[in-house]
Amino acid sequence: MAPTIIGLIQKAEIAANQGDNLFGTVIGDEKTPRLKAILNHFEGLFLGEVKAPKGLKRGSYKGAHNN
């Protein structure tokens, strides 16, 4: 999980260094930048506010950010 989040942020930073703004990229008619929406979703998973995806075999995400 954490490698996925870190990877997304690192890719956005590399792109920013090359002149592309992935931190503020909005897709279609969305109002929130995509990276922020993804991070908000993971936050909800970690806090137990969003249900874990169906079929998750490793248990719950809730509290996983403390590991």
N, C-alpha and C. Protein backbone atom coordinates (compact mmCIF):
# COMPACT_ATOMS: atom_id res chain seq x y z
N MET A 1 0.81 -1.18 0.00
CA MET A 1 0.00 0.00 0.00
C MET A 1 0.87 1.26 0.00
N ALA A 2 1.71 1.38 1.02
CA ALA A 2 2.55 2.58 1.11
C ALA A 2 3.43 2.74 -0.12
N PRO A 3 4.02 1.65 -0.67
CA PRO A 3 4.82 1.83 -1.88
C PRO A 3 4.01 2.41 -3.04
N THR A 4 2.72 2.05 -3.11
CA THR A 4 1.86 2.59 -4.17
C THR A 4 1.70 4.09 -4.01
N ILE A 5 1.41 4.54 -2.80
CA ILE A 5 1.22 5.96 -2.53
C ILE A 5 2.53 6.71 -2.77
N ILE A 6 3.61 6.20 -2.25
CA ILE A 6 4.92 6.84 -2.41
C ILE A 6 5.28 6.91 -3.89
N GLY A 7 5.01 5.82 -4.62
CA GLY A 7 5.30 5.80 -6.06
C GLY A 7 4.53 6.87 -6.81
N LEU A 8 3.25 7.03 -6.49
CA LEU A 8 2.43 8.05 -7.15
C LEU A 8 3.00 9.45 -6.90
N ILE A 9 3.38 9.71 -5.67
CA ILE A 9 3.91 11.03 -5.32
C ILE A 9 5.27 11.25 -5.99
N GLN A 10 6.12 10.22 -6.01
CA GLN A 10 7.43 10.35 -6.65
C GLN A 10 7.28 10.60 -8.15
N LYS A 11 6.37 9.91 -8.79
CA LYS A 11 6.14 10.12 -10.22
C LYS A 11 5.65 11.54 -10.49
N ALA A 12 4.78 12.04 -9.64
CA ALA A 12 4.29 13.41 -9.80
C ALA A 12 5.43 14.41 -9.60
N GLU A 13 6.32 14.13 -8.67
CA GLU A 13 7.46 15.02 -8.43
C GLU A 13 8.43 15.01 -9.60
N ILE A 14 8.70 13.83 -10.15
CA ILE A 14 9.59 13.73 -11.32
C ILE A 14 8.98 14.50 -12.49
N ALA A 15 7.69 14.31 -12.70
CA ALA A 15 7.00 15.03 -13.78
C ALA A 15 7.08 16.54 -13.56
N ALA A 16 6.92 16.98 -12.31
CA ALA A 16 7.00 18.42 -12.00
C ALA A 16 8.38 18.96 -12.34
N ASN A 17 9.43 18.17 -12.06
CA ASN A 17 10.79 18.59 -12.39
C ASN A 17 11.01 18.69 -13.90
N GLN A 18 10.17 17.97 -14.66
CA GLN A 18 10.26 18.00 -16.12
C GLN A 18 9.26 18.98 -16.74
N GLY A 19 8.56 19.72 -15.89
CA GLY A 19 7.66 20.76 -16.38
C GLY A 19 6.18 20.39 -16.47
N ASP A 20 5.81 19.19 -16.02
CA ASP A 20 4.40 18.79 -16.04
C ASP A 20 3.84 18.82 -14.62
N ASN A 21 2.61 19.33 -14.48
CA ASN A 21 2.00 19.43 -13.17
C ASN A 21 0.99 18.32 -12.94
N LEU A 22 1.46 17.18 -12.43
CA LEU A 22 0.55 16.08 -12.12
C LEU A 22 -0.13 16.28 -10.77
N PHE A 23 0.45 17.12 -9.92
CA PHE A 23 -0.16 17.37 -8.61
C PHE A 23 -1.52 18.05 -8.77
N GLY A 24 -1.67 18.88 -9.79
CA GLY A 24 -2.91 19.60 -9.97
C GLY A 24 -3.77 19.11 -11.12
N THR A 25 -3.42 17.95 -11.69
CA THR A 25 -4.15 17.43 -12.85
C THR A 25 -5.58 17.04 -12.48
N VAL A 26 -6.52 17.58 -13.23
CA VAL A 26 -7.93 17.26 -13.07
C VAL A 26 -8.36 16.50 -14.32
N ILE A 27 -9.06 15.39 -14.13
CA ILE A 27 -9.50 14.57 -15.26
C ILE A 27 -10.98 14.82 -15.52
N GLY A 28 -11.29 15.11 -16.76
CA GLY A 28 -12.68 15.32 -17.15
C GLY A 28 -13.31 16.47 -16.40
N ASP A 29 -14.49 16.23 -15.86
CA ASP A 29 -15.22 17.29 -15.16
C ASP A 29 -15.03 17.21 -13.64
N GLU A 30 -14.02 16.45 -13.18
CA GLU A 30 -13.75 16.36 -11.75
C GLU A 30 -13.35 17.72 -11.21
N LYS A 31 -13.65 17.96 -9.96
CA LYS A 31 -13.29 19.24 -9.34
C LYS A 31 -12.01 19.14 -8.51
N THR A 32 -11.71 17.94 -8.03
CA THR A 32 -10.52 17.72 -7.20
C THR A 32 -9.41 17.12 -8.05
N PRO A 33 -8.18 17.65 -7.90
CA PRO A 33 -7.06 17.04 -8.63
C PRO A 33 -6.98 15.54 -8.34
N ARG A 34 -6.66 14.75 -9.35
CA ARG A 34 -6.68 13.28 -9.26
C ARG A 34 -5.79 12.77 -8.13
N LEU A 35 -4.56 13.28 -7.99
CA LEU A 35 -3.66 12.79 -6.94
C LEU A 35 -4.25 13.05 -5.56
N LYS A 36 -4.84 14.21 -5.37
CA LYS A 36 -5.46 14.53 -4.08
C LYS A 36 -6.64 13.59 -3.82
N ALA A 37 -7.43 13.31 -4.83
CA ALA A 37 -8.57 12.40 -4.67
C ALA A 37 -8.10 11.00 -4.27
N ILE A 38 -7.00 10.53 -4.89
CA ILE A 38 -6.46 9.22 -4.56
C ILE A 38 -5.97 9.20 -3.11
N LEU A 39 -5.24 10.24 -2.72
CA LEU A 39 -4.73 10.31 -1.35
C LEU A 39 -5.87 10.39 -0.35
N ASN A 40 -6.93 11.13 -0.68
CA ASN A 40 -8.10 11.21 0.21
C ASN A 40 -8.76 9.84 0.35
N HIS A 41 -8.81 9.08 -0.75
CA HIS A 41 -9.40 7.75 -0.71
C HIS A 41 -8.60 6.83 0.22
N PHE A 42 -7.26 6.83 0.06
CA PHE A 42 -6.43 6.01 0.93
C PHE A 42 -6.56 6.44 2.39
N GLU A 43 -6.66 7.74 2.62
CA GLU A 43 -6.87 8.23 3.99
C GLU A 43 -8.14 7.63 4.58
N GLY A 44 -9.22 7.62 3.80
CA GLY A 44 -10.47 7.04 4.25
C GLY A 44 -10.34 5.56 4.55
N LEU A 45 -9.57 4.84 3.72
CA LEU A 45 -9.33 3.41 3.98
C LEU A 45 -8.58 3.21 5.29
N PHE A 46 -7.52 4.01 5.52
CA PHE A 46 -6.71 3.87 6.72
C PHE A 46 -7.49 4.21 7.98
N LEU A 47 -8.41 5.17 7.88
CA LEU A 47 -9.18 5.60 9.04
C LEU A 47 -10.45 4.77 9.23
N GLY A 48 -10.71 3.86 8.31
CA GLY A 48 -11.88 3.02 8.42
C GLY A 48 -13.16 3.71 7.97
N GLU A 49 -13.04 4.86 7.30
CA GLU A 49 -14.20 5.61 6.81
C GLU A 49 -14.70 5.06 5.47
N VAL A 50 -13.83 4.38 4.75
CA VAL A 50 -14.17 3.77 3.46
C VAL A 50 -14.00 2.26 3.62
N LYS A 51 -14.98 1.49 3.16
CA LYS A 51 -14.89 0.04 3.26
C LYS A 51 -13.74 -0.49 2.40
N ALA A 52 -13.07 -1.50 2.91
CA ALA A 52 -11.99 -2.14 2.14
C ALA A 52 -12.58 -2.77 0.88
N PRO A 53 -11.81 -2.81 -0.20
CA PRO A 53 -12.30 -3.40 -1.45
C PRO A 53 -12.75 -4.85 -1.24
N LYS A 54 -13.78 -5.24 -1.95
CA LYS A 54 -14.29 -6.61 -1.88
C LYS A 54 -13.20 -7.57 -2.38
N GLY A 55 -13.03 -8.66 -1.67
CA GLY A 55 -12.04 -9.64 -2.06
C GLY A 55 -10.66 -9.40 -1.47
N LEU A 56 -10.52 -8.38 -0.63
CA LEU A 56 -9.23 -8.10 0.01
C LEU A 56 -8.85 -9.28 0.90
N LYS A 57 -7.71 -9.86 0.68
CA LYS A 57 -7.33 -11.07 1.39
C LYS A 57 -6.44 -10.81 2.60
N ARG A 58 -6.01 -9.59 2.80
CA ARG A 58 -5.09 -9.30 3.91
C ARG A 58 -5.78 -8.60 5.08
N GLY A 59 -7.07 -8.59 5.13
CA GLY A 59 -7.75 -7.94 6.23
C GLY A 59 -8.11 -6.51 5.90
N SER A 60 -8.14 -5.69 6.91
CA SER A 60 -8.59 -4.31 6.77
C SER A 60 -7.42 -3.35 6.60
N TYR A 61 -7.68 -2.23 5.94
CA TYR A 61 -6.67 -1.17 5.84
C TYR A 61 -6.63 -0.33 7.11
N LYS A 62 -7.73 -0.36 7.89
CA LYS A 62 -7.83 0.52 9.04
C LYS A 62 -6.62 0.35 9.96
N GLY A 63 -5.94 1.46 10.23
CA GLY A 63 -4.77 1.45 11.08
C GLY A 63 -3.50 0.99 10.40
N ALA A 64 -3.56 0.60 9.11
CA ALA A 64 -2.38 0.08 8.41
C ALA A 64 -1.28 1.14 8.31
N HIS A 65 -1.65 2.42 8.34
CA HIS A 65 -0.64 3.48 8.24
C HIS A 65 0.25 3.51 9.49
N ASN A 66 -0.13 2.83 10.56
CA ASN A 66 0.67 2.80 11.78
C ASN A 66 1.71 1.68 11.74
N ASN A 67 1.64 0.80 10.75
CA ASN A 67 2.59 -0.32 10.69
C ASN A 67 3.94 0.12 10.17
